[in-house]
Amino acid sequence: MTDTEKLEAPSSISSKEFWDYLEQEYHKIKDEELYKYKQKFEKEFRETLFIRLQDFYTDLENEEHKIKTKIDSINKTLREIPYSKETYIEINLKNNTKKLD
């Protein structure tokens, strides 16, 4: 029996029998089939969440490094601009976030 055949209602039944059939199918899907997919999703979510968070954190660190490198490059150029005697303009990066320990 295929999945399509399992969900097809019998052809010559009364309205009450049809609603009973639909209720049975609803409970079957709810209690059996959807529950196993829910379990599978939750298992995959638990198993991959930490890896995805690590990847995201690594991406953020890489972006931070790129930003700092660009600021250093800008600062090198700014130091070469004669502003006044022994004075130059510099960009400083101030971190307004707290790192988690």
C-alpha atoms as a PDB file:
ATOM      1  CA  MET A   1       0.000   0.000   0.000  1.00  0.00           C
ATOM      2  CA  THR A   2       1.456   3.401  -0.985  1.00  0.00           C
ATOM      3  CA  ASP A   3       1.336   6.602   1.078  1.00  0.00           C
ATOM      4  CA  THR A   4      -1.291   8.002  -1.300  1.00  0.00           C
ATOM      5  CA  GLU A   5      -3.525   4.958  -0.842  1.00  0.00           C
ATOM      6  CA  LYS A   6      -3.226   5.192   2.935  1.00  0.00           C
ATOM      7  CA  LEU A   7      -4.651   8.721   2.955  1.00  0.00           C
ATOM      8  CA  GLU A   8      -7.443   8.190   0.428  1.00  0.00           C
ATOM      9  CA  ALA A   9     -10.913   7.970   1.909  1.00  0.00           C
ATOM     10  CA  PRO A  10     -13.074   4.979   0.993  1.00  0.00           C
ATOM     11  CA  SER A  11     -15.273   5.878  -1.990  1.00  0.00           C
ATOM     12  CA  SER A  12     -18.823   4.914  -0.933  1.00  0.00           C
ATOM     13  CA  ILE A  13     -19.297   5.923   2.707  1.00  0.00           C
ATOM     14  CA  SER A  14     -21.726   8.102   4.619  1.00  0.00           C
ATOM     15  CA  SER A  15     -20.882  11.600   5.866  1.00  0.00           C
ATOM     16  CA  LYS A  16     -20.510  10.349   9.424  1.00  0.00           C
ATOM     17  CA  GLU A  17     -18.189   7.565   8.312  1.00  0.00           C
ATOM     18  CA  PHE A  18     -16.220  10.075   6.275  1.00  0.00           C
ATOM     19  CA  TRP A  19     -15.750  12.399   9.285  1.00  0.00           C
ATOM     20  CA  ASP A  20     -14.810   9.419  11.442  1.00  0.00           C
ATOM     21  CA  TYR A  21     -12.279   8.418   8.800  1.00  0.00           C
ATOM     22  CA  LEU A  22     -10.839  11.942   8.710  1.00  0.00           C
ATOM     23  CA  GLU A  23     -10.595  11.996  12.495  1.00  0.00           C
ATOM     24  CA  GLN A  24      -8.780   8.657  12.494  1.00  0.00           C
ATOM     25  CA  GLU A  25      -6.339   9.896   9.855  1.00  0.00           C
ATOM     26  CA  TYR A  26      -5.793  13.133  11.778  1.00  0.00           C
ATOM     27  CA  HIS A  27      -4.904  11.235  14.950  1.00  0.00           C
ATOM     28  CA  LYS A  28      -2.740   8.826  13.008  1.00  0.00           C
ATOM     29  CA  ILE A  29      -0.741  11.656  11.456  1.00  0.00           C
ATOM     30  CA  LYS A  30      -0.627  13.647  14.669  1.00  0.00           C
ATOM     31  CA  ASP A  31       0.309  10.790  16.961  1.00  0.00           C
ATOM     32  CA  GLU A  32       2.587   8.736  14.744  1.00  0.00           C
ATOM     33  CA  GLU A  33       4.000  10.318  11.621  1.00  0.00           C
ATOM     34  CA  LEU A  34       4.370  13.937  12.655  1.00  0.00           C
ATOM     35  CA  TYR A  35       5.757  12.969  16.046  1.00  0.00           C
ATOM     36  CA  LYS A  36       8.645  11.042  14.494  1.00  0.00           C
ATOM     37  CA  TYR A  37       9.455  14.032  12.260  1.00  0.00           C
ATOM     38  CA  LYS A  38       9.309  16.302  15.288  1.00  0.00           C
ATOM     39  CA  GLN A  39      11.739  14.014  17.113  1.00  0.00           C
ATOM     40  CA  LYS A  40      14.032  13.932  14.082  1.00  0.00           C
ATOM     41  CA  PHE A  41      13.970  17.730  13.803  1.00  0.00           C
ATOM     42  CA  GLU A  42      14.690  18.204  17.525  1.00  0.00           C
ATOM     43  CA  LYS A  43      17.565  15.692  17.374  1.00  0.00           C
ATOM     44  CA  GLU A  44      19.138  17.399  14.364  1.00  0.00           C
ATOM     45  CA  PHE A  45      18.608  20.799  15.953  1.00  0.00           C
ATOM     46  CA  ARG A  46      20.362  19.734  19.168  1.00  0.00           C
ATOM     47  CA  GLU A  47      23.207  18.082  17.278  1.00  0.00           C
ATOM     48  CA  THR A  48      23.870  20.932  14.848  1.00  0.00           C
ATOM     49  CA  LEU A  49      23.062  23.990  16.971  1.00  0.00           C
ATOM     50  CA  PHE A  50      26.451  24.096  18.688  1.00  0.00           C
ATOM     51  CA  ILE A  51      28.307  23.701  15.388  1.00  0.00           C
ATOM     52  CA  ARG A  52      26.242  26.442  13.753  1.00  0.00           C
ATOM     53  CA  LEU A  53      26.822  28.774  16.684  1.00  0.00           C
ATOM     54  CA  GLN A  54      30.560  28.089  16.526  1.00  0.00           C
ATOM     55  CA  ASP A  55      30.579  28.835  12.798  1.00  0.00           C
ATOM     56  CA  PHE A  56      28.666  32.059  13.395  1.00  0.00           C
ATOM     57  CA  TYR A  57      31.076  33.096  16.155  1.00  0.00           C
ATOM     58  CA  THR A  58      34.041  32.342  13.878  1.00  0.00           C
ATOM     59  CA  ASP A  59      32.486  34.452  11.129  1.00  0.00           C
ATOM     60  CA  LEU A  60      32.042  37.315  13.581  1.00  0.00           C
ATOM     61  CA  GLU A  61      35.658  37.039  14.708  1.00  0.00           C
ATOM     62  CA  ASN A  62      36.813  37.082  11.087  1.00  0.00           C
ATOM     63  CA  GLU A  63      34.749  40.196  10.397  1.00  0.00           C
ATOM     64  CA  GLU A  64      36.177  41.840  13.519  1.00  0.00           C
ATOM     65  CA  HIS A  65      39.690  41.093  12.286  1.00  0.00           C
ATOM     66  CA  LYS A  66      38.898  42.560   8.841  1.00  0.00           C
ATOM     67  CA  ILE A  67      37.507  45.737  10.423  1.00  0.00           C
ATOM     68  CA  LYS A  68      40.554  46.157  12.653  1.00  0.00           C
ATOM     69  CA  THR A  69      42.873  45.626   9.683  1.00  0.00           C
ATOM     70  CA  LYS A  70      41.014  48.282   7.677  1.00  0.00           C
ATOM     71  CA  ILE A  71      41.139  50.724  10.586  1.00  0.00           C
ATOM     72  CA  ASP A  72      44.898  50.145  10.908  1.00  0.00           C
ATOM     73  CA  SER A  73      45.300  50.841   7.217  1.00  0.00           C
ATOM     74  CA  ILE A  74      43.269  54.047   7.472  1.00  0.00           C
ATOM     75  CA  ASN A  75      45.292  55.132  10.508  1.00  0.00           C
ATOM     76  CA  LYS A  76      48.577  54.621   8.648  1.00  0.00           C
ATOM     77  CA  THR A  77      47.312  56.899   5.898  1.00  0.00           C
ATOM     78  CA  LEU A  78      46.019  59.469   8.403  1.00  0.00           C
ATOM     79  CA  ARG A  79      49.413  59.637  10.145  1.00  0.00           C
ATOM     80  CA  GLU A  80      50.968  60.743   6.868  1.00  0.00           C
ATOM     81  CA  ILE A  81      48.661  63.756   6.569  1.00  0.00           C
ATOM     82  CA  PRO A  82      50.341  66.806   8.102  1.00  0.00           C
ATOM     83  CA  TYR A  83      47.753  68.071  10.547  1.00  0.00           C
ATOM     84  CA  SER A  84      50.072  70.068  12.769  1.00  0.00           C
ATOM     85  CA  LYS A  85      53.496  69.545  14.304  1.00  0.00           C
ATOM     86  CA  GLU A  86      53.715  66.045  15.810  1.00  0.00           C
ATOM     87  CA  THR A  87      49.938  65.689  15.776  1.00  0.00           C
ATOM     88  CA  TYR A  88      47.876  63.358  13.669  1.00  0.00           C
ATOM     89  CA  ILE A  89      44.346  62.057  13.470  1.00  0.00           C
ATOM     90  CA  GLU A  90      43.674  58.462  14.447  1.00  0.00           C
ATOM     91  CA  ILE A  91      40.611  56.262  14.490  1.00  0.00           C
ATOM     92  CA  ASN A  92      40.145  54.179  17.632  1.00  0.00           C
ATOM     93  CA  LEU A  93      37.852  51.228  17.844  1.00  0.00           C
ATOM     94  CA  LYS A  94      35.852  51.118  21.032  1.00  0.00           C
ATOM     95  CA  ASN A  95      34.156  47.850  21.893  1.00  0.00           C
ATOM     96  CA  ASN A  96      30.725  48.467  23.415  1.00  0.00           C
ATOM     97  CA  THR A  97      29.845  44.821  23.872  1.00  0.00           C
ATOM     98  CA  LYS A  98      30.622  42.382  26.617  1.00  0.00           C
ATOM     99  CA  LYS A  99      32.358  39.155  25.766  1.00  0.00           C
ATOM    100  CA  LEU A 100      30.895  36.006  27.222  1.00  0.00           C
ATOM    101  CA  ASP A 101      33.263  33.969  29.320  1.00  0.00           C
END
